[in-house]
C-alpha cells in the first residue's frame, strides 16, 4: 500500500539521518554514559528477552547534551535488538528509581526516547518495569504517560525491587548499589 511504502521510506531516511545503522561508530559521542553505567546491557528476562537496566540516580539533567543522549538511546535500542530473538525482536527494560531525585528527570530526553522507540522500533518493547518509584515520581508520570501510545503504556508496570525476580532471574540482575 502507499501508506506502507511512505512509512518504509520515512524509516529508511530516519535510520540514515540518525546514524542507527552505524551507531557503533558514534560511541565516542556518548562513551561517558557507558562508562558511568547509566544503563547496563547484557542480561535476559525470564522470557529470554534482552533487558536493559537504567539507573535514574546516575543521571543529572544539568549535565547532558541532547545529541549525546539521542545517540545513547539509539545505541541501547540497537544493541537490544541485535541481542534479541530474530523471530520476535523484543526486549525488556528495568528503570531503577530507588534513589530518584528531580535532577534525574529530563522531559526533553524522555520525549526523545519515547518518540524514537514508538516511531522507529514499534512493538519491540515487551515490558518496562519501574522499580521502587518514590511518591514524587507520580507527578512526573502524570506528565509522561500521555506521551505514550496505549499499547506502550500498557507494557509499563510499577514494582518493588522484591518483585523483580518474578521477571528476571536473580543471577541476571545487576547490583543496584553502584
N, C-alpha and C. Protein backbone atom coordinates (compact mmCIF):
# COMPACT_ATOMS: atom_id res chain seq x y z
N UNK A 1 0.84 -1.18 0.00
CA UNK A 1 0.00 0.00 0.00
C UNK A 1 0.88 1.24 0.00
N UNK A 2 0.30 2.33 -0.38
CA UNK A 2 1.05 3.58 -0.44
C UNK A 2 1.47 4.04 0.95
N UNK A 3 0.62 3.82 1.94
CA UNK A 3 0.94 4.21 3.32
C UNK A 3 2.15 3.42 3.84
N UNK A 4 2.17 2.12 3.56
CA UNK A 4 3.29 1.28 3.99
C UNK A 4 4.58 1.71 3.30
N UNK A 5 4.48 2.00 2.01
CA UNK A 5 5.66 2.45 1.26
C UNK A 5 6.19 3.77 1.82
N UNK A 6 5.29 4.71 2.07
CA UNK A 6 5.68 6.01 2.63
C UNK A 6 6.35 5.83 3.99
N UNK A 7 5.82 4.96 4.82
CA UNK A 7 6.40 4.70 6.15
C UNK A 7 7.77 4.04 6.00
N UNK A 8 7.92 3.13 5.07
CA UNK A 8 9.21 2.48 4.84
C UNK A 8 10.26 3.50 4.40
N UNK A 9 9.89 4.38 3.49
CA UNK A 9 10.81 5.41 3.03
C UNK A 9 11.19 6.34 4.19
N UNK A 10 10.21 6.70 5.02
CA UNK A 10 10.49 7.54 6.19
C UNK A 10 11.46 6.83 7.14
N UNK A 11 11.20 5.55 7.39
CA UNK A 11 12.02 4.78 8.32
C UNK A 11 13.46 4.65 7.80
N UNK A 12 13.63 4.36 6.54
CA UNK A 12 14.98 4.25 5.95
C UNK A 12 15.69 5.60 6.06
N UNK A 13 14.97 6.66 5.79
CA UNK A 13 15.54 8.01 5.92
C UNK A 13 15.96 8.30 7.35
N UNK A 14 15.11 7.90 8.31
CA UNK A 14 15.43 8.12 9.72
C UNK A 14 16.69 7.34 10.09
N UNK A 15 16.80 6.09 9.67
CA UNK A 15 17.97 5.27 10.02
C UNK A 15 19.25 5.91 9.47
N UNK A 16 19.18 6.44 8.27
CA UNK A 16 20.34 7.10 7.67
C UNK A 16 20.66 8.39 8.43
N UNK A 17 19.65 9.22 8.63
CA UNK A 17 19.84 10.51 9.30
C UNK A 17 20.31 10.36 10.75
N UNK A 18 19.78 9.38 11.44
CA UNK A 18 20.09 9.20 12.86
C UNK A 18 21.41 8.47 13.09
N UNK A 19 21.91 7.82 12.05
CA UNK A 19 23.13 7.04 12.21
C UNK A 19 22.89 5.67 12.84
N UNK A 20 21.64 5.22 12.87
CA UNK A 20 21.31 3.95 13.54
C UNK A 20 22.10 2.77 12.97
N UNK A 21 22.30 2.77 11.66
CA UNK A 21 22.99 1.63 11.04
C UNK A 21 24.49 1.61 11.33
N UNK A 22 25.02 2.75 11.74
CA UNK A 22 26.45 2.82 12.07
C UNK A 22 26.62 3.37 13.49
N UNK A 23 25.69 3.02 14.36
CA UNK A 23 25.68 3.59 15.71
C UNK A 23 26.98 3.28 16.47
N UNK A 24 27.59 2.14 16.20
CA UNK A 24 28.84 1.83 16.89
C UNK A 24 29.94 2.84 16.56
N UNK A 25 29.86 3.46 15.39
CA UNK A 25 30.83 4.49 15.02
C UNK A 25 30.65 5.76 15.85
N UNK A 26 29.47 5.92 16.44
CA UNK A 26 29.15 7.12 17.22
C UNK A 26 29.42 6.96 18.71
N UNK A 27 29.91 5.79 19.13
CA UNK A 27 30.12 5.54 20.56
C UNK A 27 30.95 6.63 21.24
N UNK A 28 31.99 7.17 20.61
CA UNK A 28 32.74 8.24 21.30
C UNK A 28 31.86 9.43 21.72
N UNK A 29 30.75 9.65 21.04
CA UNK A 29 29.88 10.78 21.36
C UNK A 29 29.12 10.58 22.67
N UNK A 30 29.03 9.31 23.13
CA UNK A 30 28.31 9.05 24.39
C UNK A 30 29.07 8.06 25.27
N UNK A 31 30.35 7.89 25.02
CA UNK A 31 31.16 6.93 25.78
C UNK A 31 31.07 7.17 27.29
N UNK A 32 31.01 8.41 27.70
CA UNK A 32 30.95 8.68 29.14
C UNK A 32 29.71 8.08 29.77
N UNK A 33 28.61 7.99 29.03
CA UNK A 33 27.38 7.39 29.56
C UNK A 33 27.57 5.89 29.76
N UNK A 34 28.31 5.27 28.87
CA UNK A 34 28.64 3.85 29.04
C UNK A 34 29.56 3.67 30.25
N UNK A 35 30.55 4.54 30.36
CA UNK A 35 31.50 4.46 31.47
C UNK A 35 30.81 4.68 32.82
N UNK A 36 29.82 5.56 32.84
CA UNK A 36 29.07 5.85 34.07
C UNK A 36 28.10 4.72 34.45
N UNK A 37 27.91 3.78 33.50
CA UNK A 37 26.95 2.70 33.69
C UNK A 37 25.56 3.25 33.99
N UNK A 38 25.21 4.29 33.23
CA UNK A 38 23.87 4.87 33.30
C UNK A 38 22.84 3.79 33.00
N UNK A 39 23.19 2.93 32.08
CA UNK A 39 22.38 1.74 31.75
C UNK A 39 23.32 0.56 31.61
N UNK A 40 22.83 -0.62 31.98
CA UNK A 40 23.61 -1.85 31.86
C UNK A 40 22.87 -2.81 30.94
N UNK A 41 23.56 -3.28 29.92
CA UNK A 41 23.01 -4.24 28.96
C UNK A 41 23.61 -5.61 29.21
N UNK A 42 22.99 -6.62 28.61
CA UNK A 42 23.64 -7.93 28.60
C UNK A 42 22.91 -9.01 29.33
N UNK A 43 21.86 -8.69 30.02
CA UNK A 43 21.09 -9.69 30.75
C UNK A 43 19.83 -10.04 29.97
N UNK A 44 19.16 -11.11 30.41
CA UNK A 44 17.89 -11.51 29.79
C UNK A 44 16.85 -11.66 30.89
N UNK A 45 15.57 -11.48 30.51
CA UNK A 45 14.50 -11.69 31.48
C UNK A 45 14.03 -13.14 31.41
N UNK A 46 12.99 -13.48 32.14
CA UNK A 46 12.53 -14.87 32.19
C UNK A 46 11.88 -15.32 30.89
N UNK A 47 11.60 -14.36 30.00
CA UNK A 47 11.07 -14.72 28.67
C UNK A 47 12.19 -14.73 27.64
N UNK A 48 13.44 -14.72 28.12
CA UNK A 48 14.64 -14.76 27.29
C UNK A 48 14.77 -13.55 26.35
N UNK A 49 14.22 -12.43 26.78
CA UNK A 49 14.38 -11.18 26.03
C UNK A 49 15.57 -10.43 26.63
N UNK A 50 16.38 -9.79 25.80
CA UNK A 50 17.44 -8.96 26.36
C UNK A 50 16.81 -7.85 27.21
N UNK A 51 17.50 -7.49 28.26
CA UNK A 51 16.96 -6.48 29.17
C UNK A 51 18.03 -5.43 29.46
N UNK A 52 17.60 -4.20 29.53
CA UNK A 52 18.47 -3.10 29.91
C UNK A 52 18.02 -2.61 31.28
N UNK A 53 18.99 -2.36 32.13
CA UNK A 53 18.74 -1.79 33.45
C UNK A 53 19.22 -0.35 33.42
N UNK A 54 18.35 0.58 33.73
CA UNK A 54 18.70 2.00 33.77
C UNK A 54 18.60 2.49 35.21
N UNK A 55 19.55 3.32 35.59
CA UNK A 55 19.65 3.78 36.96
C UNK A 55 19.46 5.30 37.01
N UNK A 56 18.28 5.72 37.43
CA UNK A 56 17.93 7.15 37.41
C UNK A 56 18.89 8.00 38.23
N UNK A 57 19.37 7.49 39.34
CA UNK A 57 20.22 8.30 40.21
C UNK A 57 21.56 8.66 39.56
N UNK A 58 21.89 8.01 38.47
CA UNK A 58 23.16 8.30 37.79
C UNK A 58 23.02 9.40 36.75
N UNK A 59 21.79 9.86 36.52
CA UNK A 59 21.54 10.88 35.51
C UNK A 59 21.29 12.22 36.17
N UNK A 60 21.91 13.26 35.63
CA UNK A 60 21.72 14.61 36.13
C UNK A 60 21.31 15.48 34.94
N UNK A 61 20.09 16.00 34.99
CA UNK A 61 19.58 16.79 33.86
C UNK A 61 20.35 18.08 33.63
N UNK A 62 21.23 18.45 34.54
CA UNK A 62 22.05 19.65 34.35
C UNK A 62 23.34 19.33 33.61
N UNK A 63 23.59 18.06 33.37
CA UNK A 63 24.85 17.63 32.75
C UNK A 63 24.56 16.66 31.61
N UNK A 64 24.00 17.20 30.54
CA UNK A 64 23.72 16.35 29.39
C UNK A 64 23.64 17.20 28.13
N UNK A 65 23.92 16.54 27.01
CA UNK A 65 23.75 17.14 25.69
C UNK A 65 22.66 16.33 25.00
N UNK A 66 21.74 17.00 24.36
CA UNK A 66 20.62 16.30 23.70
C UNK A 66 21.13 15.29 22.68
N UNK A 67 22.07 15.69 21.83
CA UNK A 67 22.55 14.77 20.79
C UNK A 67 23.26 13.57 21.41
N UNK A 68 24.00 13.80 22.48
CA UNK A 68 24.67 12.70 23.19
C UNK A 68 23.61 11.69 23.64
N UNK A 69 22.54 12.18 24.22
CA UNK A 69 21.50 11.29 24.73
C UNK A 69 20.74 10.62 23.59
N UNK A 70 20.52 11.32 22.50
CA UNK A 70 19.84 10.72 21.33
C UNK A 70 20.66 9.52 20.81
N UNK A 71 21.96 9.72 20.64
CA UNK A 71 22.81 8.62 20.18
C UNK A 71 22.82 7.48 21.19
N UNK A 72 22.87 7.81 22.47
CA UNK A 72 22.90 6.80 23.53
C UNK A 72 21.61 5.97 23.49
N UNK A 73 20.48 6.60 23.33
CA UNK A 73 19.19 5.89 23.26
C UNK A 73 19.17 4.95 22.05
N UNK A 74 19.59 5.45 20.91
CA UNK A 74 19.61 4.62 19.70
C UNK A 74 20.57 3.44 19.89
N UNK A 75 21.72 3.69 20.50
CA UNK A 75 22.68 2.62 20.75
C UNK A 75 22.05 1.53 21.63
N UNK A 76 21.38 1.93 22.70
CA UNK A 76 20.74 0.96 23.59
C UNK A 76 19.71 0.14 22.82
N UNK A 77 18.85 0.80 22.06
CA UNK A 77 17.80 0.09 21.32
C UNK A 77 18.39 -0.84 20.26
N UNK A 78 19.39 -0.36 19.53
CA UNK A 78 20.01 -1.19 18.50
C UNK A 78 20.70 -2.41 19.13
N UNK A 79 21.37 -2.20 20.26
CA UNK A 79 22.05 -3.31 20.93
C UNK A 79 21.05 -4.33 21.43
N UNK A 80 19.96 -3.87 22.02
CA UNK A 80 18.92 -4.78 22.49
C UNK A 80 18.34 -5.60 21.33
N UNK A 81 18.09 -4.96 20.21
CA UNK A 81 17.53 -5.69 19.07
C UNK A 81 18.52 -6.69 18.49
N UNK A 82 19.79 -6.33 18.45
CA UNK A 82 20.81 -7.28 17.96
C UNK A 82 20.86 -8.52 18.84
N UNK A 83 20.60 -8.34 20.13
CA UNK A 83 20.67 -9.45 21.08
C UNK A 83 19.35 -10.20 21.21
N UNK A 84 18.32 -9.70 20.58
CA UNK A 84 17.00 -10.33 20.72
C UNK A 84 16.85 -11.50 19.75
N UNK A 85 15.83 -12.30 20.02
CA UNK A 85 15.48 -13.40 19.15
C UNK A 85 14.98 -12.81 17.83
N UNK A 86 15.61 -13.15 16.69
CA UNK A 86 15.21 -12.56 15.41
C UNK A 86 13.74 -12.82 15.05
N UNK A 87 13.17 -13.88 15.59
CA UNK A 87 11.77 -14.18 15.27
C UNK A 87 10.81 -13.28 16.02
N UNK A 88 11.26 -12.69 17.15
CA UNK A 88 10.35 -11.90 17.97
C UNK A 88 10.80 -10.46 18.17
N UNK A 89 12.09 -10.19 18.07
CA UNK A 89 12.66 -8.85 18.21
C UNK A 89 11.98 -8.03 19.30
N UNK A 90 12.07 -8.54 20.52
CA UNK A 90 11.51 -7.83 21.67
C UNK A 90 12.55 -7.77 22.78
N UNK A 91 12.41 -6.76 23.62
CA UNK A 91 13.31 -6.59 24.76
C UNK A 91 12.50 -6.10 25.94
N UNK A 92 13.16 -6.08 27.09
CA UNK A 92 12.55 -5.56 28.31
C UNK A 92 13.47 -4.48 28.87
N UNK A 93 12.90 -3.63 29.70
CA UNK A 93 13.68 -2.58 30.34
C UNK A 93 13.28 -2.49 31.81
N UNK A 94 14.27 -2.20 32.64
CA UNK A 94 14.05 -2.02 34.07
C UNK A 94 14.62 -0.66 34.44
N UNK A 95 13.79 0.19 35.00
CA UNK A 95 14.23 1.52 35.45
C UNK A 95 14.24 1.54 36.97
N UNK A 96 15.44 1.66 37.53
CA UNK A 96 15.59 1.73 38.98
C UNK A 96 15.41 3.18 39.42
N UNK A 97 14.32 3.44 40.13
CA UNK A 97 14.05 4.78 40.64
C UNK A 97 14.23 4.85 42.15
N UNK A 98 14.93 3.87 42.71
CA UNK A 98 15.06 3.79 44.17
C UNK A 98 15.74 5.02 44.77
N UNK A 99 16.63 5.64 44.03
CA UNK A 99 17.31 6.84 44.54
C UNK A 99 16.99 8.05 43.65
N UNK A 100 15.77 8.07 43.15
CA UNK A 100 15.31 9.12 42.25
C UNK A 100 15.31 10.49 42.93
N UNK A 101 15.79 11.49 42.20
CA UNK A 101 15.63 12.88 42.60
C UNK A 101 15.14 13.64 41.38
N UNK A 102 14.69 14.85 41.57
CA UNK A 102 14.20 15.63 40.43
C UNK A 102 15.30 15.94 39.42
N UNK A 103 16.56 15.84 39.83
CA UNK A 103 17.66 16.01 38.85
C UNK A 103 17.68 14.87 37.84
N UNK A 104 17.05 13.75 38.18
CA UNK A 104 17.07 12.60 37.29
C UNK A 104 16.00 12.69 36.21
N UNK A 105 15.10 13.64 36.32
CA UNK A 105 14.02 13.73 35.34
C UNK A 105 14.41 14.77 34.28
N UNK A 106 14.30 14.37 33.03
CA UNK A 106 14.61 15.25 31.91
C UNK A 106 13.55 15.00 30.85
N UNK A 107 12.53 15.83 30.85
CA UNK A 107 11.41 15.60 29.95
C UNK A 107 11.81 15.65 28.48
N UNK A 108 12.79 16.48 28.13
CA UNK A 108 13.24 16.53 26.73
C UNK A 108 13.83 15.19 26.30
N UNK A 109 14.69 14.62 27.14
CA UNK A 109 15.31 13.33 26.83
C UNK A 109 14.27 12.21 26.83
N UNK A 110 13.37 12.25 27.78
CA UNK A 110 12.31 11.23 27.83
C UNK A 110 11.44 11.28 26.58
N UNK A 111 11.08 12.48 26.17
CA UNK A 111 10.24 12.63 24.97
C UNK A 111 10.98 12.13 23.73
N UNK A 112 12.27 12.43 23.63
CA UNK A 112 13.07 11.94 22.50
C UNK A 112 13.09 10.41 22.52
N UNK A 113 13.34 9.83 23.69
CA UNK A 113 13.36 8.37 23.80
C UNK A 113 12.03 7.74 23.40
N UNK A 114 10.94 8.30 23.87
CA UNK A 114 9.61 7.79 23.53
C UNK A 114 9.37 7.90 22.03
N UNK A 115 9.70 9.05 21.45
CA UNK A 115 9.49 9.24 20.01
C UNK A 115 10.34 8.28 19.17
N UNK A 116 11.59 8.08 19.58
CA UNK A 116 12.44 7.13 18.85
C UNK A 116 11.87 5.72 18.97
N UNK A 117 11.53 5.32 20.18
CA UNK A 117 11.00 3.96 20.41
C UNK A 117 9.71 3.74 19.64
N UNK A 118 8.74 4.59 19.83
CA UNK A 118 7.42 4.37 19.22
C UNK A 118 7.43 4.60 17.71
N UNK A 119 8.27 5.52 17.23
CA UNK A 119 8.28 5.83 15.81
C UNK A 119 9.13 4.92 14.96
N UNK A 120 10.16 4.30 15.58
CA UNK A 120 11.13 3.55 14.78
C UNK A 120 11.39 2.13 15.27
N UNK A 121 10.88 1.80 16.44
CA UNK A 121 11.05 0.46 16.99
C UNK A 121 9.70 -0.04 17.52
N UNK A 122 8.66 0.05 16.68
CA UNK A 122 7.32 -0.33 17.18
C UNK A 122 7.26 -1.81 17.56
N UNK A 123 6.50 -2.07 18.59
CA UNK A 123 6.25 -3.45 19.05
C UNK A 123 7.51 -4.19 19.48
N UNK A 124 8.57 -3.47 19.85
CA UNK A 124 9.79 -4.14 20.31
C UNK A 124 9.89 -4.17 21.83
N UNK A 125 9.24 -3.25 22.50
CA UNK A 125 9.26 -3.23 23.96
C UNK A 125 8.28 -4.29 24.47
N UNK A 126 8.82 -5.26 25.19
CA UNK A 126 7.96 -6.29 25.77
C UNK A 126 7.40 -5.88 27.11
N UNK A 127 8.26 -5.23 27.92
CA UNK A 127 7.86 -4.82 29.27
C UNK A 127 8.83 -3.76 29.74
N UNK A 128 8.28 -2.76 30.46
CA UNK A 128 9.10 -1.77 31.16
C UNK A 128 8.71 -1.84 32.62
N UNK A 129 9.66 -2.25 33.44
CA UNK A 129 9.44 -2.34 34.88
C UNK A 129 10.04 -1.10 35.54
N UNK A 130 9.23 -0.38 36.27
CA UNK A 130 9.70 0.77 37.02
C UNK A 130 9.78 0.34 38.48
N UNK A 131 11.01 0.32 38.99
CA UNK A 131 11.28 -0.26 40.31
C UNK A 131 11.42 0.83 41.37
N UNK A 132 10.69 0.64 42.45
CA UNK A 132 10.80 1.50 43.64
C UNK A 132 10.63 2.98 43.33
N UNK A 133 9.61 3.30 42.57
CA UNK A 133 9.33 4.71 42.26
C UNK A 133 8.85 5.43 43.52
N UNK A 134 9.47 6.56 43.85
CA UNK A 134 9.02 7.31 45.02
C UNK A 134 7.72 8.06 44.69
N UNK A 135 7.07 8.53 45.71
CA UNK A 135 5.80 9.23 45.54
C UNK A 135 5.93 10.42 44.60
N UNK A 136 7.03 11.15 44.68
CA UNK A 136 7.20 12.33 43.84
C UNK A 136 7.18 11.98 42.35
N UNK A 137 7.55 10.75 42.02
CA UNK A 137 7.56 10.35 40.61
C UNK A 137 6.14 10.29 40.04
N UNK A 138 5.14 10.13 40.88
CA UNK A 138 3.76 10.07 40.35
C UNK A 138 3.41 11.36 39.61
N UNK A 139 3.91 12.49 40.06
CA UNK A 139 3.67 13.75 39.34
C UNK A 139 4.38 13.74 37.98
N UNK A 140 5.59 13.20 37.94
CA UNK A 140 6.33 13.08 36.68
C UNK A 140 5.60 12.13 35.73
N UNK A 141 5.12 11.01 36.27
CA UNK A 141 4.42 10.01 35.46
C UNK A 141 3.15 10.60 34.86
N UNK A 142 2.48 11.48 35.59
CA UNK A 142 1.26 12.12 35.07
C UNK A 142 1.57 12.95 33.82
N UNK A 143 2.78 13.47 33.73
CA UNK A 143 3.20 14.23 32.55
C UNK A 143 3.62 13.28 31.43
N UNK A 144 4.35 12.22 31.77
CA UNK A 144 4.92 11.31 30.78
C UNK A 144 3.88 10.39 30.14
N UNK A 145 2.99 9.82 30.92
CA UNK A 145 2.05 8.81 30.42
C UNK A 145 1.29 9.24 29.16
N UNK A 146 0.78 10.48 29.07
CA UNK A 146 0.06 10.86 27.84
C UNK A 146 0.92 10.84 26.57
N UNK A 147 2.24 10.87 26.73
CA UNK A 147 3.12 10.80 25.55
C UNK A 147 3.20 9.39 24.98
N UNK A 148 2.80 8.42 25.77
CA UNK A 148 2.87 7.01 25.34
C UNK A 148 1.59 6.61 24.63
N UNK A 149 1.74 5.85 23.54
CA UNK A 149 0.53 5.31 22.95
C UNK A 149 -0.01 4.24 23.90
N UNK A 150 -1.30 3.93 23.83
CA UNK A 150 -1.90 3.00 24.80
C UNK A 150 -1.22 1.63 24.84
N UNK A 151 -0.76 1.13 23.71
CA UNK A 151 -0.10 -0.18 23.69
C UNK A 151 1.18 -0.13 24.52
N UNK A 152 1.98 0.91 24.32
CA UNK A 152 3.22 1.06 25.08
C UNK A 152 2.92 1.28 26.56
N UNK A 153 1.97 2.15 26.86
CA UNK A 153 1.63 2.45 28.26
C UNK A 153 1.21 1.19 29.01
N UNK A 154 0.55 0.28 28.33
CA UNK A 154 0.12 -0.97 28.98
C UNK A 154 1.27 -1.93 29.28
N UNK A 155 2.44 -1.65 28.74
CA UNK A 155 3.61 -2.50 28.99
C UNK A 155 4.42 -2.01 30.19
N UNK A 156 4.00 -0.90 30.77
CA UNK A 156 4.69 -0.32 31.92
C UNK A 156 4.08 -0.90 33.19
N UNK A 157 4.95 -1.33 34.08
CA UNK A 157 4.49 -1.90 35.35
C UNK A 157 5.36 -1.37 36.48
N UNK A 158 4.72 -0.87 37.51
CA UNK A 158 5.42 -0.38 38.69
C UNK A 158 5.54 -1.52 39.68
N UNK A 159 6.78 -1.77 40.13
CA UNK A 159 7.01 -2.88 41.06
C UNK A 159 7.99 -2.45 42.15
N UNK A 160 8.09 -3.28 43.15
CA UNK A 160 9.11 -3.14 44.20
C UNK A 160 10.30 -4.02 43.80
N UNK A 161 11.47 -3.69 44.31
CA UNK A 161 12.66 -4.47 43.99
C UNK A 161 12.46 -5.94 44.35
N UNK A 162 11.74 -6.20 45.44
CA UNK A 162 11.49 -7.58 45.87
C UNK A 162 10.69 -8.37 44.84
N UNK A 163 10.01 -7.70 43.94
CA UNK A 163 9.22 -8.38 42.90
C UNK A 163 10.02 -8.61 41.62
N UNK A 164 11.18 -8.03 41.51
CA UNK A 164 11.96 -8.10 40.27
C UNK A 164 12.28 -9.53 39.86
N UNK A 165 12.51 -10.40 40.82
CA UNK A 165 12.83 -11.80 40.50
C UNK A 165 11.64 -12.56 39.91
N UNK A 166 10.47 -11.97 39.92
CA UNK A 166 9.32 -12.57 39.22
C UNK A 166 9.52 -12.44 37.71
N UNK A 167 10.35 -11.49 37.30
CA UNK A 167 10.54 -11.19 35.88
C UNK A 167 11.95 -11.52 35.37
N UNK A 168 12.94 -11.43 36.26
CA UNK A 168 14.34 -11.63 35.87
C UNK A 168 14.98 -12.53 36.93
N UNK A 169 15.66 -13.60 36.47
CA UNK A 169 16.35 -14.48 37.42
C UNK A 169 17.39 -13.69 38.21
N UNK A 170 17.57 -14.04 39.47
CA UNK A 170 18.45 -13.30 40.38
C UNK A 170 19.85 -13.11 39.81
N UNK A 171 20.40 -14.14 39.17
CA UNK A 171 21.77 -14.03 38.65
C UNK A 171 21.86 -13.10 37.44
N UNK A 172 20.73 -12.71 36.89
CA UNK A 172 20.71 -11.80 35.74
C UNK A 172 20.53 -10.34 36.16
N UNK A 173 20.33 -10.10 37.45
CA UNK A 173 20.07 -8.75 37.95
C UNK A 173 21.38 -8.13 38.43
N UNK A 174 21.77 -7.00 37.85
CA UNK A 174 22.99 -6.34 38.32
C UNK A 174 22.77 -5.70 39.68
N UNK A 175 23.83 -5.37 40.33
CA UNK A 175 23.74 -4.69 41.62
C UNK A 175 23.10 -3.32 41.44
N UNK A 176 22.15 -3.00 42.29
CA UNK A 176 21.53 -1.68 42.24
C UNK A 176 22.31 -0.71 43.11
N UNK A 177 23.36 -1.17 43.74
CA UNK A 177 24.10 -0.35 44.69
C UNK A 177 25.31 0.35 44.09
N UNK A 178 25.37 0.36 42.77
CA UNK A 178 26.52 1.00 42.12
C UNK A 178 26.25 2.48 41.87
